[in-house]
Amino acid sequence: MVHVLLPGEIGLVRATEAVGQVNVEDLDFFTGRKYSAALVEREKGRCFYCLRSIDAGTCVLDHAMPQVNGGGHSYRNVVASCHECNSRKQGQEAGDFCRDLYRRSVLSASEFEERMASLHDLREERLMPAIS
């Protein structure tokens, strides 16, 4: 006769999460640029603001809501942008900056509406990057 024990029934063994599962809510998307490729992929290889082509090696990570206004490092607030937009935006909120791009004719009316919809989707957790 054999008595089989489950891992939880063995005193020194503790249950752990399945290997490979990552809780995206707990990740810091800004510090260390570890997830910049995932953010660029989420943005379809374009600057979140002006829609210029970018890549993971040269993009700048930006807080849609500036940190001074309470913006954090989650995927709901960190976007991939080009250097020019990051420099021009500075401490502005993303929506205000997109309006400025539209007023300066950097964005067309349809592009502006698309950017505002993307910003709304970002805040509503509908633009989650793929993390492997």
N, C-alpha and C. Protein backbone atom coordinates (compact mmCIF):
# COMPACT_ATOMS: atom_id res chain seq x y z
N MET A 1 0.83 -1.17 0.00
CA MET A 1 0.00 0.00 0.00
C MET A 1 0.89 1.24 0.00
N VAL A 2 0.49 2.26 -0.75
CA VAL A 2 1.25 3.51 -0.87
C VAL A 2 0.36 4.66 -0.41
N HIS A 3 0.93 5.54 0.40
CA HIS A 3 0.21 6.74 0.84
C HIS A 3 0.78 7.94 0.08
N VAL A 4 -0.04 8.61 -0.69
CA VAL A 4 0.40 9.74 -1.50
C VAL A 4 0.02 11.04 -0.80
N LEU A 5 0.99 11.96 -0.72
CA LEU A 5 0.75 13.27 -0.12
C LEU A 5 0.75 14.35 -1.21
N LEU A 6 -0.13 15.30 -1.07
CA LEU A 6 -0.13 16.47 -1.96
C LEU A 6 0.90 17.46 -1.46
N PRO A 7 1.43 18.34 -2.32
CA PRO A 7 2.46 19.29 -1.88
C PRO A 7 2.06 20.10 -0.65
N GLY A 8 0.80 20.51 -0.56
CA GLY A 8 0.35 21.28 0.59
C GLY A 8 0.32 20.48 1.88
N GLU A 9 0.37 19.17 1.77
CA GLU A 9 0.34 18.31 2.96
C GLU A 9 1.73 18.01 3.50
N ILE A 10 2.75 18.44 2.78
CA ILE A 10 4.12 18.24 3.22
C ILE A 10 4.56 19.52 3.91
N GLY A 11 5.03 19.43 5.13
CA GLY A 11 5.34 20.59 5.95
C GLY A 11 6.29 21.61 5.35
N LEU A 12 7.33 21.21 4.67
CA LEU A 12 8.33 22.14 4.16
C LEU A 12 8.05 22.65 2.75
N VAL A 13 7.03 22.17 2.13
CA VAL A 13 6.70 22.60 0.77
C VAL A 13 5.57 23.62 0.85
N ARG A 14 5.76 24.75 0.19
CA ARG A 14 4.70 25.76 0.16
C ARG A 14 4.22 25.95 -1.27
N ALA A 15 2.98 26.27 -1.40
CA ALA A 15 2.39 26.48 -2.73
C ALA A 15 2.95 27.76 -3.34
N THR A 16 3.25 27.70 -4.62
CA THR A 16 3.73 28.87 -5.35
C THR A 16 2.86 29.06 -6.57
N GLU A 17 2.95 30.27 -7.14
CA GLU A 17 2.21 30.53 -8.37
C GLU A 17 2.81 29.72 -9.50
N ALA A 18 2.00 29.44 -10.47
CA ALA A 18 2.47 28.71 -11.65
C ALA A 18 3.59 29.49 -12.32
N VAL A 19 4.61 28.80 -12.76
CA VAL A 19 5.73 29.42 -13.42
C VAL A 19 5.26 30.06 -14.73
N GLY A 20 5.72 31.29 -14.98
CA GLY A 20 5.39 31.96 -16.22
C GLY A 20 4.19 32.88 -16.12
N GLN A 21 3.42 32.80 -15.06
CA GLN A 21 2.29 33.69 -14.90
C GLN A 21 2.76 35.00 -14.27
N VAL A 22 2.41 36.11 -14.90
CA VAL A 22 2.80 37.42 -14.42
C VAL A 22 1.54 38.24 -14.23
N ASN A 23 1.43 38.88 -13.09
CA ASN A 23 0.32 39.79 -12.85
C ASN A 23 0.72 41.16 -13.38
N VAL A 24 0.17 41.52 -14.52
CA VAL A 24 0.54 42.76 -15.20
C VAL A 24 0.22 43.99 -14.34
N GLU A 25 -0.72 43.86 -13.44
CA GLU A 25 -1.09 44.97 -12.57
C GLU A 25 0.02 45.35 -11.61
N ASP A 26 0.90 44.41 -11.29
CA ASP A 26 1.97 44.65 -10.33
C ASP A 26 3.27 45.14 -10.96
N LEU A 27 3.32 45.23 -12.29
CA LEU A 27 4.57 45.56 -12.97
C LEU A 27 4.81 47.05 -13.06
N ASP A 28 6.09 47.42 -12.98
CA ASP A 28 6.54 48.79 -13.16
C ASP A 28 6.98 48.92 -14.62
N PHE A 29 6.21 49.63 -15.44
CA PHE A 29 6.48 49.75 -16.86
C PHE A 29 7.44 50.88 -17.20
N PHE A 30 7.85 51.65 -16.20
CA PHE A 30 8.71 52.80 -16.47
C PHE A 30 10.17 52.55 -16.10
N THR A 31 10.40 52.08 -14.92
CA THR A 31 11.76 51.92 -14.41
C THR A 31 12.50 50.81 -15.16
N GLY A 32 13.67 51.13 -15.66
CA GLY A 32 14.54 50.14 -16.28
C GLY A 32 14.22 49.77 -17.71
N ARG A 33 13.16 50.28 -18.28
CA ARG A 33 12.80 50.05 -19.70
C ARG A 33 12.60 48.57 -20.03
N LYS A 34 12.38 47.74 -19.04
CA LYS A 34 12.24 46.29 -19.27
C LYS A 34 11.08 45.96 -20.20
N TYR A 35 10.03 46.76 -20.15
CA TYR A 35 8.83 46.46 -20.94
C TYR A 35 8.62 47.44 -22.09
N SER A 36 9.66 48.16 -22.50
CA SER A 36 9.48 49.13 -23.59
C SER A 36 9.07 48.46 -24.89
N ALA A 37 9.58 47.27 -25.18
CA ALA A 37 9.18 46.57 -26.41
C ALA A 37 7.70 46.23 -26.39
N ALA A 38 7.19 45.83 -25.23
CA ALA A 38 5.75 45.52 -25.11
C ALA A 38 4.91 46.77 -25.30
N LEU A 39 5.39 47.91 -24.79
CA LEU A 39 4.64 49.15 -24.97
C LEU A 39 4.66 49.61 -26.42
N VAL A 40 5.82 49.49 -27.08
CA VAL A 40 5.90 49.85 -28.50
C VAL A 40 4.99 48.95 -29.33
N GLU A 41 4.96 47.68 -29.00
CA GLU A 41 4.07 46.76 -29.70
C GLU A 41 2.60 47.14 -29.47
N ARG A 42 2.27 47.50 -28.23
CA ARG A 42 0.89 47.93 -27.93
C ARG A 42 0.53 49.16 -28.76
N GLU A 43 1.50 50.07 -28.94
CA GLU A 43 1.27 51.29 -29.71
C GLU A 43 1.43 51.07 -31.22
N LYS A 44 1.62 49.82 -31.61
CA LYS A 44 1.78 49.44 -33.02
C LYS A 44 2.96 50.15 -33.70
N GLY A 45 4.03 50.33 -32.94
CA GLY A 45 5.25 50.90 -33.49
C GLY A 45 5.16 52.39 -33.78
N ARG A 46 4.20 53.07 -33.14
CA ARG A 46 4.02 54.50 -33.36
C ARG A 46 4.04 55.25 -32.04
N CYS A 47 4.48 56.49 -32.08
CA CYS A 47 4.45 57.36 -30.91
C CYS A 47 2.99 57.47 -30.45
N PHE A 48 2.76 57.31 -29.18
CA PHE A 48 1.40 57.38 -28.65
C PHE A 48 0.74 58.71 -28.98
N TYR A 49 1.54 59.79 -29.10
CA TYR A 49 0.99 61.13 -29.29
C TYR A 49 0.89 61.54 -30.76
N CYS A 50 2.01 61.54 -31.47
CA CYS A 50 2.02 62.10 -32.84
C CYS A 50 1.94 61.04 -33.93
N LEU A 51 2.02 59.78 -33.56
CA LEU A 51 1.90 58.64 -34.49
C LEU A 51 3.11 58.42 -35.39
N ARG A 52 4.24 59.06 -35.09
CA ARG A 52 5.47 58.78 -35.84
C ARG A 52 5.94 57.37 -35.52
N SER A 53 6.69 56.79 -36.45
CA SER A 53 7.27 55.46 -36.22
C SER A 53 8.33 55.53 -35.12
N ILE A 54 8.28 54.55 -34.22
CA ILE A 54 9.28 54.43 -33.15
C ILE A 54 9.66 52.97 -33.01
N ASP A 55 10.75 52.71 -32.31
CA ASP A 55 11.10 51.33 -31.99
C ASP A 55 11.53 51.26 -30.53
N ALA A 56 11.63 50.07 -30.01
CA ALA A 56 11.90 49.86 -28.59
C ALA A 56 13.26 50.41 -28.17
N GLY A 57 14.22 50.43 -29.09
CA GLY A 57 15.55 50.90 -28.74
C GLY A 57 15.67 52.40 -28.64
N THR A 58 14.83 53.14 -29.36
CA THR A 58 14.98 54.59 -29.40
C THR A 58 13.79 55.35 -28.82
N CYS A 59 12.73 54.66 -28.43
CA CYS A 59 11.56 55.36 -27.91
C CYS A 59 11.85 55.93 -26.52
N VAL A 60 10.98 56.80 -26.09
CA VAL A 60 11.04 57.37 -24.75
C VAL A 60 9.77 56.93 -24.03
N LEU A 61 9.90 56.50 -22.79
CA LEU A 61 8.73 56.14 -22.01
C LEU A 61 8.22 57.40 -21.31
N ASP A 62 6.90 57.60 -21.38
CA ASP A 62 6.32 58.83 -20.86
C ASP A 62 5.10 58.51 -20.00
N HIS A 63 4.87 59.33 -19.00
CA HIS A 63 3.68 59.20 -18.16
C HIS A 63 2.56 60.02 -18.78
N ALA A 64 1.47 59.37 -19.17
CA ALA A 64 0.33 60.09 -19.74
C ALA A 64 -0.19 61.12 -18.74
N MET A 65 -0.34 60.70 -17.48
CA MET A 65 -0.63 61.65 -16.41
C MET A 65 0.69 61.83 -15.66
N PRO A 66 1.23 63.03 -15.66
CA PRO A 66 2.54 63.25 -15.03
C PRO A 66 2.58 62.76 -13.58
N GLN A 67 3.74 62.33 -13.18
CA GLN A 67 3.92 61.84 -11.82
C GLN A 67 3.56 62.91 -10.78
N VAL A 68 3.85 64.17 -11.08
CA VAL A 68 3.53 65.24 -10.13
C VAL A 68 2.03 65.37 -9.91
N ASN A 69 1.23 64.86 -10.84
CA ASN A 69 -0.22 64.88 -10.71
C ASN A 69 -0.78 63.54 -10.23
N GLY A 70 0.09 62.66 -9.79
CA GLY A 70 -0.37 61.39 -9.24
C GLY A 70 -0.29 60.21 -10.18
N GLY A 71 0.30 60.39 -11.36
CA GLY A 71 0.43 59.28 -12.32
C GLY A 71 1.47 58.28 -11.86
N GLY A 72 1.16 57.02 -12.01
CA GLY A 72 2.08 55.96 -11.59
C GLY A 72 2.80 55.32 -12.74
N HIS A 73 3.43 54.19 -12.47
CA HIS A 73 4.25 53.47 -13.45
C HIS A 73 3.53 52.28 -14.07
N SER A 74 2.20 52.20 -13.96
CA SER A 74 1.48 51.06 -14.50
C SER A 74 1.28 51.21 -16.01
N TYR A 75 0.85 50.11 -16.64
CA TYR A 75 0.59 50.13 -18.08
C TYR A 75 -0.54 51.10 -18.43
N ARG A 76 -1.35 51.49 -17.45
CA ARG A 76 -2.44 52.43 -17.68
C ARG A 76 -1.97 53.87 -17.75
N ASN A 77 -0.70 54.10 -17.44
CA ASN A 77 -0.19 55.46 -17.44
C ASN A 77 1.11 55.65 -18.21
N VAL A 78 1.82 54.60 -18.52
CA VAL A 78 3.09 54.72 -19.23
C VAL A 78 2.88 54.37 -20.69
N VAL A 79 3.35 55.28 -21.57
CA VAL A 79 3.22 55.09 -23.01
C VAL A 79 4.59 55.23 -23.67
N ALA A 80 4.70 54.71 -24.88
CA ALA A 80 5.92 54.87 -25.68
C ALA A 80 5.72 56.07 -26.60
N SER A 81 6.71 56.96 -26.60
CA SER A 81 6.60 58.16 -27.43
C SER A 81 7.93 58.44 -28.12
N CYS A 82 7.88 59.37 -29.05
CA CYS A 82 9.12 59.82 -29.70
C CYS A 82 9.79 60.86 -28.80
N HIS A 83 11.06 61.15 -29.07
CA HIS A 83 11.81 62.11 -28.26
C HIS A 83 11.19 63.51 -28.33
N GLU A 84 10.77 63.90 -29.53
CA GLU A 84 10.24 65.25 -29.69
C GLU A 84 8.97 65.45 -28.86
N CYS A 85 8.05 64.50 -28.92
CA CYS A 85 6.82 64.62 -28.13
C CYS A 85 7.12 64.61 -26.64
N ASN A 86 8.03 63.75 -26.21
CA ASN A 86 8.37 63.70 -24.80
C ASN A 86 8.94 65.03 -24.33
N SER A 87 9.78 65.65 -25.15
CA SER A 87 10.39 66.94 -24.79
C SER A 87 9.34 68.05 -24.76
N ARG A 88 8.46 68.07 -25.74
CA ARG A 88 7.44 69.12 -25.81
C ARG A 88 6.36 68.96 -24.75
N LYS A 89 5.99 67.75 -24.45
CA LYS A 89 4.90 67.50 -23.51
C LYS A 89 5.25 67.96 -22.10
N GLN A 90 6.45 67.68 -21.67
CA GLN A 90 6.94 67.98 -20.33
C GLN A 90 5.92 67.57 -19.27
N GLY A 91 5.34 68.48 -18.51
CA GLY A 91 4.45 68.13 -17.42
C GLY A 91 2.97 68.20 -17.77
N GLN A 92 2.65 68.29 -19.06
CA GLN A 92 1.24 68.37 -19.46
C GLN A 92 0.55 67.02 -19.33
N GLU A 93 -0.75 67.07 -19.16
CA GLU A 93 -1.57 65.86 -19.24
C GLU A 93 -1.62 65.44 -20.71
N ALA A 94 -1.76 64.16 -20.97
CA ALA A 94 -1.75 63.65 -22.34
C ALA A 94 -2.86 64.26 -23.21
N GLY A 95 -4.05 64.40 -22.67
CA GLY A 95 -5.15 64.98 -23.43
C GLY A 95 -4.87 66.40 -23.86
N ASP A 96 -4.32 67.20 -22.96
CA ASP A 96 -3.98 68.58 -23.29
C ASP A 96 -2.89 68.63 -24.35
N PHE A 97 -1.91 67.73 -24.24
CA PHE A 97 -0.84 67.70 -25.22
C PHE A 97 -1.36 67.30 -26.61
N CYS A 98 -2.26 66.33 -26.66
CA CYS A 98 -2.84 65.92 -27.95
C CYS A 98 -3.65 67.06 -28.56
N ARG A 99 -4.36 67.83 -27.74
CA ARG A 99 -5.08 69.01 -28.25
C ARG A 99 -4.11 70.01 -28.85
N ASP A 100 -2.96 70.18 -28.19
CA ASP A 100 -1.93 71.08 -28.69
C ASP A 100 -1.40 70.59 -30.04
N LEU A 101 -1.17 69.28 -30.18
CA LEU A 101 -0.71 68.72 -31.46
C LEU A 101 -1.75 68.95 -32.55
N TYR A 102 -3.01 68.83 -32.22
CA TYR A 102 -4.08 69.07 -33.20
C TYR A 102 -4.11 70.55 -33.60
N ARG A 103 -4.01 71.43 -32.64
CA ARG A 103 -4.02 72.88 -32.93
C ARG A 103 -2.84 73.29 -33.81
N ARG A 104 -1.70 72.62 -33.64
CA ARG A 104 -0.52 72.93 -34.46
C ARG A 104 -0.51 72.15 -35.77
N SER A 105 -1.60 71.45 -36.07
CA SER A 105 -1.76 70.66 -37.31
C SER A 105 -0.80 69.50 -37.43
N VAL A 106 -0.28 69.02 -36.30
CA VAL A 106 0.53 67.80 -36.31
C VAL A 106 -0.39 66.60 -36.47
N LEU A 107 -1.56 66.67 -35.85
CA LEU A 107 -2.57 65.62 -35.97
C LEU A 107 -3.76 66.15 -36.76
N SER A 108 -4.32 65.30 -37.61
CA SER A 108 -5.57 65.64 -38.30
C SER A 108 -6.72 65.47 -37.31
N ALA A 109 -7.91 65.88 -37.70
CA ALA A 109 -9.07 65.74 -36.82
C ALA A 109 -9.32 64.27 -36.48
N SER A 110 -9.23 63.40 -37.47
CA SER A 110 -9.47 61.97 -37.21
C SER A 110 -8.36 61.38 -36.34
N GLU A 111 -7.12 61.80 -36.55
CA GLU A 111 -6.02 61.32 -35.71
C GLU A 111 -6.18 61.80 -34.27
N PHE A 112 -6.62 63.05 -34.12
CA PHE A 112 -6.86 63.59 -32.78
C PHE A 112 -7.93 62.77 -32.07
N GLU A 113 -9.02 62.49 -32.76
CA GLU A 113 -10.10 61.68 -32.16
C GLU A 113 -9.59 60.28 -31.80
N GLU A 114 -8.75 59.71 -32.67
CA GLU A 114 -8.17 58.39 -32.39
C GLU A 114 -7.28 58.45 -31.14
N ARG A 115 -6.48 59.52 -31.01
CA ARG A 115 -5.60 59.66 -29.84
C ARG A 115 -6.42 59.81 -28.56
N MET A 116 -7.51 60.57 -28.62
CA MET A 116 -8.35 60.75 -27.44
C MET A 116 -9.04 59.43 -27.07
N ALA A 117 -9.47 58.68 -28.06
CA ALA A 117 -10.08 57.37 -27.80
C ALA A 117 -9.04 56.42 -27.20
N SER A 118 -7.82 56.45 -27.71
CA SER A 118 -6.76 55.60 -27.16
C SER A 118 -6.44 55.99 -25.72
N LEU A 119 -6.44 57.27 -25.44
CA LEU A 119 -6.19 57.74 -24.08
C LEU A 119 -7.30 57.26 -23.15
N HIS A 120 -8.53 57.32 -23.60
CA HIS A 120 -9.65 56.81 -22.81
C HIS A 120 -9.50 55.30 -22.59
N ASP A 121 -9.16 54.57 -23.65
CA ASP A 121 -8.96 53.11 -23.53
C ASP A 121 -7.82 52.78 -22.57
N LEU A 122 -6.77 53.59 -22.61
CA LEU A 122 -5.63 53.39 -21.71
C LEU A 122 -6.09 53.49 -20.26
N ARG A 123 -6.85 54.52 -19.95
CA ARG A 123 -7.33 54.73 -18.59
C ARG A 123 -8.35 53.68 -18.15
N GLU A 124 -9.07 53.14 -19.11
CA GLU A 124 -10.09 52.14 -18.80
C GLU A 124 -9.55 50.70 -18.84
N GLU A 125 -8.22 50.56 -18.89
CA GLU A 125 -7.54 49.26 -18.85
C GLU A 125 -7.81 48.41 -20.09
N ARG A 126 -8.07 49.05 -21.23
CA ARG A 126 -8.32 48.31 -22.46
C ARG A 126 -7.10 48.24 -23.37
N LEU A 127 -5.99 48.82 -22.95
CA LEU A 127 -4.77 48.78 -23.75
C LEU A 127 -3.66 48.07 -22.97
N MET A 128 -3.93 46.87 -22.56
CA MET A 128 -2.96 46.10 -21.80
C MET A 128 -1.91 45.54 -22.76
N PRO A 129 -0.63 45.78 -22.48
CA PRO A 129 0.42 45.23 -23.34
C PRO A 129 0.57 43.72 -23.14
N ALA A 130 1.03 43.05 -24.17
CA ALA A 130 1.26 41.60 -24.09
C ALA A 130 2.61 41.37 -23.41
N ILE A 131 2.58 40.67 -22.30
CA ILE A 131 3.80 40.36 -21.54
C ILE A 131 4.00 38.86 -21.58
N SER A 132 5.22 38.46 -21.97
CA SER A 132 5.49 37.02 -22.02
C SER A 132 6.25 36.56 -20.80
